[in-house]
Amino acid sequence: MSKTITMRLSDEDYKVISSAAHHERRPISNFITHRVMEAIANMNTVDDAEMKEIVSDAKVMKSIGRGQKLFAQGKGRLVV
């Protein structure tokens, strides 16, 4: 079931958001929801350059491997 929320925006913020929503031909509520969900999805991913840097660092990969083994043994917890 959908929920209703109330947001307080400055006049300037409202104008910017309203204009952007209008440009994308979306209602303001849909525009805000879409952008927030997009931002959340992007917070939980790494780009190709960052992944390449992680994979190329032997010390980081060894640490990740140790963490995976400990988690599999029930000695750790997943932090998201």
PDB file of N, CA and C in Angstrom:
ATOM      1  N   MET A   1       0.841  -1.182   0.000  1.00  0.00           N
ATOM      2  CA  MET A   1       0.000   0.000   0.000  1.00  0.00           C
ATOM      3  C   MET A   1       0.881   1.238   0.000  1.00  0.00           C
ATOM      4  N   SER A   2       0.558   2.186  -0.811  1.00  0.00           N
ATOM      5  CA  SER A   2       1.370   3.402  -0.884  1.00  0.00           C
ATOM      6  C   SER A   2       1.168   4.260   0.359  1.00  0.00           C
ATOM      7  N   LYS A   3       2.161   5.062   0.661  1.00  0.00           N
ATOM      8  CA  LYS A   3       2.139   5.964   1.818  1.00  0.00           C
ATOM      9  C   LYS A   3       2.265   7.401   1.336  1.00  0.00           C
ATOM     10  N   THR A   4       1.724   8.292   2.107  1.00  0.00           N
ATOM     11  CA  THR A   4       1.818   9.720   1.811  1.00  0.00           C
ATOM     12  C   THR A   4       2.781  10.344   2.801  1.00  0.00           C
ATOM     13  N   ILE A   5       3.688  11.182   2.283  1.00  0.00           N
ATOM     14  CA  ILE A   5       4.603  11.913   3.157  1.00  0.00           C
ATOM     15  C   ILE A   5       4.476  13.402   2.857  1.00  0.00           C
ATOM     16  N   THR A   6       4.935  14.205   3.786  1.00  0.00           N
ATOM     17  CA  THR A   6       4.949  15.648   3.601  1.00  0.00           C
ATOM     18  C   THR A   6       6.403  16.104   3.622  1.00  0.00           C
ATOM     19  N   MET A   7       6.757  16.952   2.668  1.00  0.00           N
ATOM     20  CA  MET A   7       8.110  17.506   2.609  1.00  0.00           C
ATOM     21  C   MET A   7       8.032  19.019   2.663  1.00  0.00           C
ATOM     22  N   ARG A   8       8.978  19.625   3.339  1.00  0.00           N
ATOM     23  CA  ARG A   8       9.055  21.078   3.366  1.00  0.00           C
ATOM     24  C   ARG A   8      10.220  21.486   2.477  1.00  0.00           C
ATOM     25  N   LEU A   9       9.936  22.259   1.457  1.00  0.00           N
ATOM     26  CA  LEU A   9      10.950  22.726   0.515  1.00  0.00           C
ATOM     27  C   LEU A   9      10.969  24.250   0.485  1.00  0.00           C
ATOM     28  N   SER A  10      12.139  24.788   0.290  1.00  0.00           N
ATOM     29  CA  SER A  10      12.210  26.237   0.072  1.00  0.00           C
ATOM     30  C   SER A  10      11.576  26.524  -1.284  1.00  0.00           C
ATOM     31  N   ASP A  11      11.207  27.767  -1.497  1.00  0.00           N
ATOM     32  CA  ASP A  11      10.619  28.135  -2.790  1.00  0.00           C
ATOM     33  C   ASP A  11      11.582  27.815  -3.933  1.00  0.00           C
ATOM     34  N   GLU A  12      12.853  28.098  -3.724  1.00  0.00           N
ATOM     35  CA  GLU A  12      13.854  27.844  -4.764  1.00  0.00           C
ATOM     36  C   GLU A  12      13.989  26.348  -5.061  1.00  0.00           C
ATOM     37  N   ASP A  13      14.054  25.524  -4.002  1.00  0.00           N
ATOM     38  CA  ASP A  13      14.143  24.074  -4.207  1.00  0.00           C
ATOM     39  C   ASP A  13      12.908  23.559  -4.950  1.00  0.00           C
ATOM     40  N   TYR A  14      11.740  24.059  -4.560  1.00  0.00           N
ATOM     41  CA  TYR A  14      10.511  23.636  -5.230  1.00  0.00           C
ATOM     42  C   TYR A  14      10.558  23.982  -6.719  1.00  0.00           C
ATOM     43  N   LYS A  15      11.021  25.177  -7.033  1.00  0.00           N
ATOM     44  CA  LYS A  15      11.093  25.587  -8.444  1.00  0.00           C
ATOM     45  C   LYS A  15      12.031  24.680  -9.235  1.00  0.00           C
ATOM     46  N   VAL A  16      13.171  24.370  -8.662  1.00  0.00           N
ATOM     47  CA  VAL A  16      14.151  23.513  -9.346  1.00  0.00           C
ATOM     48  C   VAL A  16      13.580  22.111  -9.557  1.00  0.00           C
ATOM     49  N   ILE A  17      13.004  21.533  -8.511  1.00  0.00           N
ATOM     50  CA  ILE A  17      12.450  20.176  -8.606  1.00  0.00           C
ATOM     51  C   ILE A  17      11.259  20.150  -9.554  1.00  0.00           C
ATOM     52  N   SER A  18      10.392  21.142  -9.440  1.00  0.00           N
ATOM     53  CA  SER A  18       9.217  21.217 -10.307  1.00  0.00           C
ATOM     54  C   SER A  18       9.625  21.331 -11.772  1.00  0.00           C
ATOM     55  N   SER A  19      10.621  22.158 -12.040  1.00  0.00           N
ATOM     56  CA  SER A  19      11.096  22.341 -13.405  1.00  0.00           C
ATOM     57  C   SER A  19      11.697  21.050 -13.957  1.00  0.00           C
ATOM     58  N   ALA A  20      12.500  20.380 -13.145  1.00  0.00           N
ATOM     59  CA  ALA A  20      13.116  19.124 -13.584  1.00  0.00           C
ATOM     60  C   ALA A  20      12.062  18.048 -13.829  1.00  0.00           C
ATOM     61  N   ALA A  21      11.070  17.964 -12.955  1.00  0.00           N
ATOM     62  CA  ALA A  21       9.987  16.990 -13.131  1.00  0.00           C
ATOM     63  C   ALA A  21       9.204  17.292 -14.403  1.00  0.00           C
ATOM     64  N   HIS A  22       8.920  18.562 -14.630  1.00  0.00           N
ATOM     65  CA  HIS A  22       8.194  18.977 -15.829  1.00  0.00           C
ATOM     66  C   HIS A  22       8.996  18.610 -17.085  1.00  0.00           C
ATOM     67  N   HIS A  23      10.290  18.830 -17.034  1.00  0.00           N
ATOM     68  CA  HIS A  23      11.168  18.517 -18.163  1.00  0.00           C
ATOM     69  C   HIS A  23      11.129  17.027 -18.500  1.00  0.00           C
ATOM     70  N   GLU A  24      11.015  16.177 -17.470  1.00  0.00           N
ATOM     71  CA  GLU A  24      10.946  14.726 -17.678  1.00  0.00           C
ATOM     72  C   GLU A  24       9.504  14.229 -17.839  1.00  0.00           C
ATOM     73  N   ARG A  25       8.566  15.172 -17.839  1.00  0.00           N
ATOM     74  CA  ARG A  25       7.138  14.846 -17.978  1.00  0.00           C
ATOM     75  C   ARG A  25       6.686  13.837 -16.925  1.00  0.00           C
ATOM     76  N   ARG A  26       7.044  14.158 -15.692  1.00  0.00           N
ATOM     77  CA  ARG A  26       6.663  13.331 -14.544  1.00  0.00           C
ATOM     78  C   ARG A  26       5.985  14.215 -13.503  1.00  0.00           C
ATOM     79  N   PRO A  27       5.061  13.648 -12.749  1.00  0.00           N
ATOM     80  CA  PRO A  27       4.567  14.377 -11.573  1.00  0.00           C
ATOM     81  C   PRO A  27       5.725  14.545 -10.580  1.00  0.00           C
ATOM     82  N   ILE A  28       5.673  15.578  -9.777  1.00  0.00           N
ATOM     83  CA  ILE A  28       6.759  15.835  -8.823  1.00  0.00           C
ATOM     84  C   ILE A  28       6.995  14.638  -7.915  1.00  0.00           C
ATOM     85  N   SER A  29       5.942  14.033  -7.403  1.00  0.00           N
ATOM     86  CA  SER A  29       6.114  12.893  -6.490  1.00  0.00           C
ATOM     87  C   SER A  29       6.821  11.737  -7.184  1.00  0.00           C
ATOM     88  N   ASN A  30       6.472  11.470  -8.436  1.00  0.00           N
ATOM     89  CA  ASN A  30       7.121  10.394  -9.179  1.00  0.00           C
ATOM     90  C   ASN A  30       8.578  10.741  -9.465  1.00  0.00           C
ATOM     91  N   PHE A  31       8.834  11.994  -9.801  1.00  0.00           N
ATOM     92  CA  PHE A  31      10.203  12.433 -10.061  1.00  0.00           C
ATOM     93  C   PHE A  31      11.073  12.232  -8.822  1.00  0.00           C
ATOM     94  N   ILE A  32      10.585  12.675  -7.670  1.00  0.00           N
ATOM     95  CA  ILE A  32      11.347  12.545  -6.421  1.00  0.00           C
ATOM     96  C   ILE A  32      11.571  11.074  -6.096  1.00  0.00           C
ATOM     97  N   THR A  33      10.528  10.255  -6.184  1.00  0.00           N
ATOM     98  CA  THR A  33      10.657   8.822  -5.898  1.00  0.00           C
ATOM     99  C   THR A  33      11.687   8.185  -6.815  1.00  0.00           C
ATOM    100  N   HIS A  34      11.586   8.479  -8.110  1.00  0.00           N
ATOM    101  CA  HIS A  34      12.506   7.903  -9.082  1.00  0.00           C
ATOM    102  C   HIS A  34      13.952   8.281  -8.769  1.00  0.00           C
ATOM    103  N   ARG A  35      14.196   9.553  -8.500  1.00  0.00           N
ATOM    104  CA  ARG A  35      15.559  10.014  -8.231  1.00  0.00           C
ATOM    105  C   ARG A  35      16.112   9.462  -6.920  1.00  0.00           C
ATOM    106  N   VAL A  36      15.278   9.360  -5.897  1.00  0.00           N
ATOM    107  CA  VAL A  36      15.740   8.808  -4.621  1.00  0.00           C
ATOM    108  C   VAL A  36      16.081   7.330  -4.780  1.00  0.00           C
ATOM    109  N   MET A  37      15.224   6.575  -5.455  1.00  0.00           N
ATOM    110  CA  MET A  37      15.486   5.149  -5.653  1.00  0.00           C
ATOM    111  C   MET A  37      16.747   4.945  -6.497  1.00  0.00           C
ATOM    112  N   GLU A  38      16.952   5.800  -7.479  1.00  0.00           N
ATOM    113  CA  GLU A  38      18.145   5.743  -8.319  1.00  0.00           C
ATOM    114  C   GLU A  38      19.398   6.009  -7.473  1.00  0.00           C
ATOM    115  N   ALA A  39      19.318   6.989  -6.604  1.00  0.00           N
ATOM    116  CA  ALA A  39      20.457   7.322  -5.735  1.00  0.00           C
ATOM    117  C   ALA A  39      20.769   6.173  -4.779  1.00  0.00           C
ATOM    118  N   ILE A  40      19.751   5.543  -4.234  1.00  0.00           N
ATOM    119  CA  ILE A  40      19.956   4.408  -3.330  1.00  0.00           C
ATOM    120  C   ILE A  40      20.615   3.252  -4.072  1.00  0.00           C
ATOM    121  N   ALA A  41      20.151   2.963  -5.268  1.00  0.00           N
ATOM    122  CA  ALA A  41      20.744   1.886  -6.063  1.00  0.00           C
ATOM    123  C   ALA A  41      22.210   2.175  -6.359  1.00  0.00           C
ATOM    124  N   ASN A  42      22.533   3.419  -6.643  1.00  0.00           N
ATOM    125  CA  ASN A  42      23.915   3.789  -6.950  1.00  0.00           C
ATOM    126  C   ASN A  42      24.824   3.753  -5.731  1.00  0.00           C
ATOM    127  N   MET A  43      24.263   3.910  -4.547  1.00  0.00           N
ATOM    128  CA  MET A  43      25.064   3.849  -3.322  1.00  0.00           C
ATOM    129  C   MET A  43      25.559   2.433  -3.074  1.00  0.00           C
ATOM    130  N   ASN A  44      24.831   1.440  -3.569  1.00  0.00           N
ATOM    131  CA  ASN A  44      25.147   0.045  -3.291  1.00  0.00           C
ATOM    132  C   ASN A  44      25.914  -0.639  -4.408  1.00  0.00           C
ATOM    133  N   THR A  45      26.480   0.117  -5.324  1.00  0.00           N
ATOM    134  CA  THR A  45      27.249  -0.464  -6.416  1.00  0.00           C
ATOM    135  C   THR A  45      28.570   0.285  -6.569  1.00  0.00           C
ATOM    136  N   VAL A  46      29.515  -0.358  -7.230  1.00  0.00           N
ATOM    137  CA  VAL A  46      30.787   0.292  -7.531  1.00  0.00           C
ATOM    138  C   VAL A  46      30.926   0.383  -9.046  1.00  0.00           C
ATOM    139  N   ASP A  47      31.579   1.416  -9.501  1.00  0.00           N
ATOM    140  CA  ASP A  47      31.780   1.548 -10.943  1.00  0.00           C
ATOM    141  C   ASP A  47      32.970   0.688 -11.374  1.00  0.00           C
ATOM    142  N   ASP A  48      33.157   0.552 -12.674  1.00  0.00           N
ATOM    143  CA  ASP A  48      34.202  -0.315 -13.220  1.00  0.00           C
ATOM    144  C   ASP A  48      35.591   0.083 -12.756  1.00  0.00           C
ATOM    145  N   ALA A  49      35.867   1.371 -12.698  1.00  0.00           N
ATOM    146  CA  ALA A  49      37.185   1.843 -12.280  1.00  0.00           C
ATOM    147  C   ALA A  49      37.458   1.467 -10.822  1.00  0.00           C
ATOM    148  N   GLU A  50      36.455   1.637  -9.969  1.00  0.00           N
ATOM    149  CA  GLU A  50      36.632   1.296  -8.553  1.00  0.00           C
ATOM    150  C   GLU A  50      36.815  -0.204  -8.383  1.00  0.00           C
ATOM    151  N   MET A  51      36.030  -1.012  -9.134  1.00  0.00           N
ATOM    152  CA  MET A  51      36.163  -2.463  -9.035  1.00  0.00           C
ATOM    153  C   MET A  51      37.538  -2.919  -9.509  1.00  0.00           C
ATOM    154  N   LYS A  52      38.044  -2.317 -10.585  1.00  0.00           N
ATOM    155  CA  LYS A  52      39.375  -2.659 -11.095  1.00  0.00           C
ATOM    156  C   LYS A  52      40.435  -2.372 -10.040  1.00  0.00           C
ATOM    157  N   GLU A  53      40.282  -1.241  -9.347  1.00  0.00           N
ATOM    158  CA  GLU A  53      41.230  -0.878  -8.296  1.00  0.00           C
ATOM    159  C   GLU A  53      41.183  -1.872  -7.140  1.00  0.00           C
ATOM    160  N   ILE A  54      39.988  -2.291  -6.761  1.00  0.00           N
ATOM    161  CA  ILE A  54      39.828  -3.261  -5.669  1.00  0.00           C
ATOM    162  C   ILE A  54      40.475  -4.586  -6.038  1.00  0.00           C
ATOM    163  N   VAL A  55      40.141  -5.107  -7.222  1.00  0.00           N
ATOM    164  CA  VAL A  55      40.628  -6.414  -7.656  1.00  0.00           C
ATOM    165  C   VAL A  55      42.142  -6.421  -7.854  1.00  0.00           C
ATOM    166  N   SER A  56      42.714  -5.305  -8.218  1.00  0.00           N
ATOM    167  CA  SER A  56      44.161  -5.240  -8.454  1.00  0.00           C
ATOM    168  C   SER A  56      44.976  -5.085  -7.165  1.00  0.00           C
ATOM    169  N   ASP A  57      44.315  -4.873  -6.044  1.00  0.00           N
ATOM    170  CA  ASP A  57      45.012  -4.690  -4.767  1.00  0.00           C
ATOM    171  C   ASP A  57      45.042  -6.031  -4.018  1.00  0.00           C
ATOM    172  N   ALA A  58      46.201  -6.695  -4.014  1.00  0.00           N
ATOM    173  CA  ALA A  58      46.331  -8.021  -3.406  1.00  0.00           C
ATOM    174  C   ALA A  58      45.982  -8.009  -1.912  1.00  0.00           C
ATOM    175  N   LYS A  59      46.367  -6.952  -1.221  1.00  0.00           N
ATOM    176  CA  LYS A  59      46.096  -6.863   0.220  1.00  0.00           C
ATOM    177  C   LYS A  59      44.583  -6.796   0.477  1.00  0.00           C
ATOM    178  N   VAL A  60      43.882  -6.009  -0.309  1.00  0.00           N
ATOM    179  CA  VAL A  60      42.428  -5.894  -0.160  1.00  0.00           C
ATOM    180  C   VAL A  60      41.755  -7.219  -0.488  1.00  0.00           C
ATOM    181  N   MET A  61      42.193  -7.877  -1.574  1.00  0.00           N
ATOM    182  CA  MET A  61      41.589  -9.149  -1.960  1.00  0.00           C
ATOM    183  C   MET A  61      41.819 -10.220  -0.901  1.00  0.00           C
ATOM    184  N   LYS A  62      43.023 -10.223  -0.296  1.00  0.00           N
ATOM    185  CA  LYS A  62      43.310 -11.188   0.778  1.00  0.00           C
ATOM    186  C   LYS A  62      42.387 -10.931   1.977  1.00  0.00           C
ATOM    187  N   SER A  63      42.193  -9.666   2.297  1.00  0.00           N
ATOM    188  CA  SER A  63      41.318  -9.304   3.411  1.00  0.00           C
ATOM    189  C   SER A  63      39.867  -9.711   3.128  1.00  0.00           C
ATOM    190  N   ILE A  64      39.426  -9.500   1.896  1.00  0.00           N
ATOM    191  CA  ILE A  64      38.062  -9.903   1.516  1.00  0.00           C
ATOM    192  C   ILE A  64      37.929 -11.414   1.641  1.00  0.00           C
ATOM    193  N   GLY A  65      38.938 -12.146   1.191  1.00  0.00           N
ATOM    194  CA  GLY A  65      38.919 -13.612   1.288  1.00  0.00           C
ATOM    195  C   GLY A  65      38.825 -14.087   2.733  1.00  0.00           C
ATOM    196  N   ARG A  66      39.614 -13.467   3.616  1.00  0.00           N
ATOM    197  CA  ARG A  66      39.547 -13.821   5.047  1.00  0.00           C
ATOM    198  C   ARG A  66      38.154 -13.545   5.605  1.00  0.00           C
ATOM    199  N   GLY A  67      37.605 -12.411   5.230  1.00  0.00           N
ATOM    200  CA  GLY A  67      36.258 -12.068   5.704  1.00  0.00           C
ATOM    201  C   GLY A  67      35.210 -13.052   5.224  1.00  0.00           C
ATOM    202  N   GLN A  68      35.314 -13.486   3.976  1.00  0.00           N
ATOM    203  CA  GLN A  68      34.369 -14.469   3.441  1.00  0.00           C
ATOM    204  C   GLN A  68      34.463 -15.790   4.198  1.00  0.00           C
ATOM    205  N   LYS A  69      35.698 -16.232   4.491  1.00  0.00           N
ATOM    206  CA  LYS A  69      35.889 -17.491   5.232  1.00  0.00           C
ATOM    207  C   LYS A  69      35.303 -17.385   6.640  1.00  0.00           C
ATOM    208  N   LEU A  70      35.579 -16.279   7.308  1.00  0.00           N
ATOM    209  CA  LEU A  70      35.037 -16.093   8.660  1.00  0.00           C
ATOM    210  C   LEU A  70      33.515 -16.061   8.641  1.00  0.00           C
ATOM    211  N   PHE A  71      32.940 -15.385   7.664  1.00  0.00           N
ATOM    212  CA  PHE A  71      31.485 -15.317   7.566  1.00  0.00           C
ATOM    213  C   PHE A  71      30.906 -16.703   7.319  1.00  0.00           C
ATOM    214  N   ALA A  72      31.541 -17.494   6.446  1.00  0.00           N
ATOM    215  CA  ALA A  72      31.069 -18.843   6.153  1.00  0.00           C
ATOM    216  C   ALA A  72      31.121 -19.727   7.396  1.00  0.00           C
ATOM    217  N   GLN A  73      32.054 -19.446   8.296  1.00  0.00           N
ATOM    218  CA  GLN A  73      32.183 -20.204   9.545  1.00  0.00           C
ATOM    219  C   GLN A  73      31.249 -19.676  10.639  1.00  0.00           C
ATOM    220  N   GLY A  74      30.484 -18.669  10.309  1.00  0.00           N
ATOM    221  CA  GLY A  74      29.555 -18.091  11.279  1.00  0.00           C
ATOM    222  C   GLY A  74      30.233 -17.178  12.285  1.00  0.00           C
ATOM    223  N   LYS A  75      31.431 -16.737  11.980  1.00  0.00           N
ATOM    224  CA  LYS A  75      32.196 -15.906  12.920  1.00  0.00           C
ATOM    225  C   LYS A  75      32.112 -14.417  12.586  1.00  0.00           C
ATOM    226  N   GLY A  76      31.287 -14.056  11.700  1.00  0.00           N
ATOM    227  CA  GLY A  76      31.170 -12.655  11.327  1.00  0.00           C
ATOM    228  C   GLY A  76      29.726 -12.305  11.047  1.00  0.00           C
ATOM    229  N   ARG A  77      29.530 -11.117  10.559  1.00  0.00           N
ATOM    230  CA  ARG A  77      28.187 -10.712  10.178  1.00  0.00           C
ATOM    231  C   ARG A  77      28.288  -9.832   8.940  1.00  0.00           C
ATOM    232  N   LEU A  78      27.251  -9.857   8.153  1.00  0.00           N
ATOM    233  CA  LEU A  78      27.204  -9.071   6.935  1.00  0.00           C
ATOM    234  C   LEU A  78      26.778  -7.658   7.279  1.00  0.00           C
ATOM    235  N   VAL A  79      27.585  -6.688   6.888  1.00  0.00           N
ATOM    236  CA  VAL A  79      27.270  -5.282   7.125  1.00  0.00           C
ATOM    237  C   VAL A  79      26.964  -4.664   5.771  1.00  0.00           C
ATOM    238  N   VAL A  80      25.774  -4.141   5.625  1.00  0.00           N
ATOM    239  CA  VAL A  80      25.361  -3.566   4.345  1.00  0.00           C
ATOM    240  C   VAL A  80      25.327  -2.068   4.433  1.00  0.00           C
TER     241      VAL A  80
END
